[in-house]
């Protein structure tokens, strides 16, 4: 397995969180593993779109897949990610009024 810098790890995490659907998926998976079809329905996106989001999260190293017969179950790649996500959600971040992300 390739070792990457701390900055690269944070950049991957930031990229994954930069999309609201991917952020919702991570929050959902922090609670319990889930299946692509159920996630697609829950977040009202197509199965193809969900597949693309999950592939991105897999490529970023944040989720992993566990085959279950003809189905695939997704879960966070490391239990510490759930703790990190909950810590991030607990922060009160305030942006100035009218602030638009770059």
Protein backbone atom coordinates (compact mmCIF):
# COMPACT_ATOMS: atom_id res chain seq x y z
CA UNK A 1 0.00 0.00 0.00
CA UNK A 2 1.24 3.47 -0.92
CA UNK A 3 2.05 5.88 1.89
CA UNK A 4 0.85 9.42 1.28
CA UNK A 5 1.52 12.65 3.13
CA UNK A 6 -0.73 14.02 5.85
CA UNK A 7 -1.65 16.90 3.55
CA UNK A 8 -2.70 14.46 0.81
CA UNK A 9 -4.85 12.53 3.30
CA UNK A 10 -6.63 15.73 4.36
CA UNK A 11 -7.02 16.80 0.73
CA UNK A 12 -8.73 13.48 -0.08
CA UNK A 13 -11.00 13.85 2.92
CA UNK A 14 -11.81 17.43 1.92
CA UNK A 15 -12.55 16.42 -1.66
CA UNK A 16 -14.91 13.68 -0.46
CA UNK A 17 -16.73 16.12 1.84
CA UNK A 18 -16.92 18.84 -0.83
CA UNK A 19 -19.97 17.18 -2.38
CA UNK A 20 -23.13 17.29 -0.22
CA UNK A 21 -24.28 13.83 -1.34
CA UNK A 22 -20.91 12.26 -0.51
CA UNK A 23 -20.95 14.02 2.85
CA UNK A 24 -24.43 12.60 3.54
CA UNK A 25 -23.25 9.13 2.55
CA UNK A 26 -20.32 9.33 4.97
CA UNK A 27 -22.58 10.53 7.79
CA UNK A 28 -25.00 7.69 7.07
CA UNK A 29 -22.23 5.08 6.98
CA UNK A 30 -20.86 6.44 10.27
CA UNK A 31 -24.07 5.12 11.83
CA UNK A 32 -24.17 1.72 10.10
CA UNK A 33 -23.13 -0.08 6.91
CA UNK A 34 -25.58 0.22 4.02
CA UNK A 35 -26.27 -0.87 0.45
CA UNK A 36 -26.02 1.26 -2.73
CA UNK A 37 -29.68 0.86 -3.70
CA UNK A 38 -30.85 1.87 -0.22
CA UNK A 39 -28.49 4.86 -0.19
CA UNK A 40 -29.66 5.95 -3.65
CA UNK A 41 -33.28 5.83 -2.51
CA UNK A 42 -32.54 7.55 0.80
CA UNK A 43 -30.73 10.47 -0.86
CA UNK A 44 -32.96 10.60 -3.96
CA UNK A 45 -30.21 10.07 -6.53
CA UNK A 46 -29.99 7.58 -9.36
CA UNK A 47 -28.23 4.29 -8.78
CA UNK A 48 -25.59 5.33 -11.33
CA UNK A 49 -24.96 8.56 -9.46
CA UNK A 50 -24.70 6.64 -6.17
CA UNK A 51 -22.28 4.21 -7.79
CA UNK A 52 -20.10 7.14 -8.87
CA UNK A 53 -20.17 8.69 -5.38
CA UNK A 54 -19.27 5.38 -3.74
CA UNK A 55 -16.43 4.84 -6.23
CA UNK A 56 -15.07 8.28 -5.35
CA UNK A 57 -15.26 7.52 -1.62
CA UNK A 58 -13.56 4.15 -2.21
CA UNK A 59 -10.81 5.79 -4.27
CA UNK A 60 -10.29 8.34 -1.48
CA UNK A 61 -9.85 5.44 0.95
CA UNK A 62 -12.83 6.41 3.09
CA UNK A 63 -15.19 3.50 2.45
CA UNK A 64 -14.78 -0.15 1.63
CA UNK A 65 -17.10 -2.72 0.14
CA UNK A 66 -18.00 -6.14 1.53
CA UNK A 67 -19.55 -8.50 -1.03
CA UNK A 68 -22.63 -10.34 0.23
CA UNK A 69 -23.71 -12.77 -2.45
CA UNK A 70 -25.13 -10.66 -5.28
CA UNK A 71 -25.16 -7.52 -3.15
CA UNK A 72 -22.41 -5.24 -1.88
CA UNK A 73 -22.45 -3.63 1.54
CA UNK A 74 -20.54 -0.38 2.07
CA UNK A 75 -19.00 0.72 5.33
CA UNK A 76 -16.43 3.21 6.54
CA UNK A 77 -12.90 2.01 5.85
CA UNK A 78 -11.80 2.67 9.43
CA UNK A 79 -13.83 2.93 12.65
CA UNK A 80 -11.94 6.10 13.55
CA UNK A 81 -13.62 7.87 10.63
CA UNK A 82 -16.98 7.75 12.39
CA UNK A 83 -15.45 9.47 15.41
CA UNK A 84 -13.75 12.08 13.19
CA UNK A 85 -17.00 12.81 11.34
CA UNK A 86 -18.91 13.23 14.60
CA UNK A 87 -16.17 15.57 15.89
CA UNK A 88 -16.37 17.66 12.71
CA UNK A 89 -20.16 17.87 13.00
CA UNK A 90 -19.79 19.04 16.59
CA UNK A 91 -17.76 22.07 15.59
CA UNK A 92 -19.58 25.34 15.24
CA UNK A 93 -18.13 26.90 12.10
CA UNK A 94 -19.34 30.35 11.18
CA UNK A 95 -18.81 31.99 7.83
CA UNK A 96 -19.30 35.69 7.27
CA UNK A 97 -22.64 36.65 5.77
CA UNK A 98 -22.66 36.30 2.01
CA UNK A 99 -19.56 34.08 2.01
CA UNK A 100 -19.36 31.87 -1.06
CA UNK A 101 -16.90 28.94 -1.05
CA UNK A 102 -14.24 29.11 -3.77
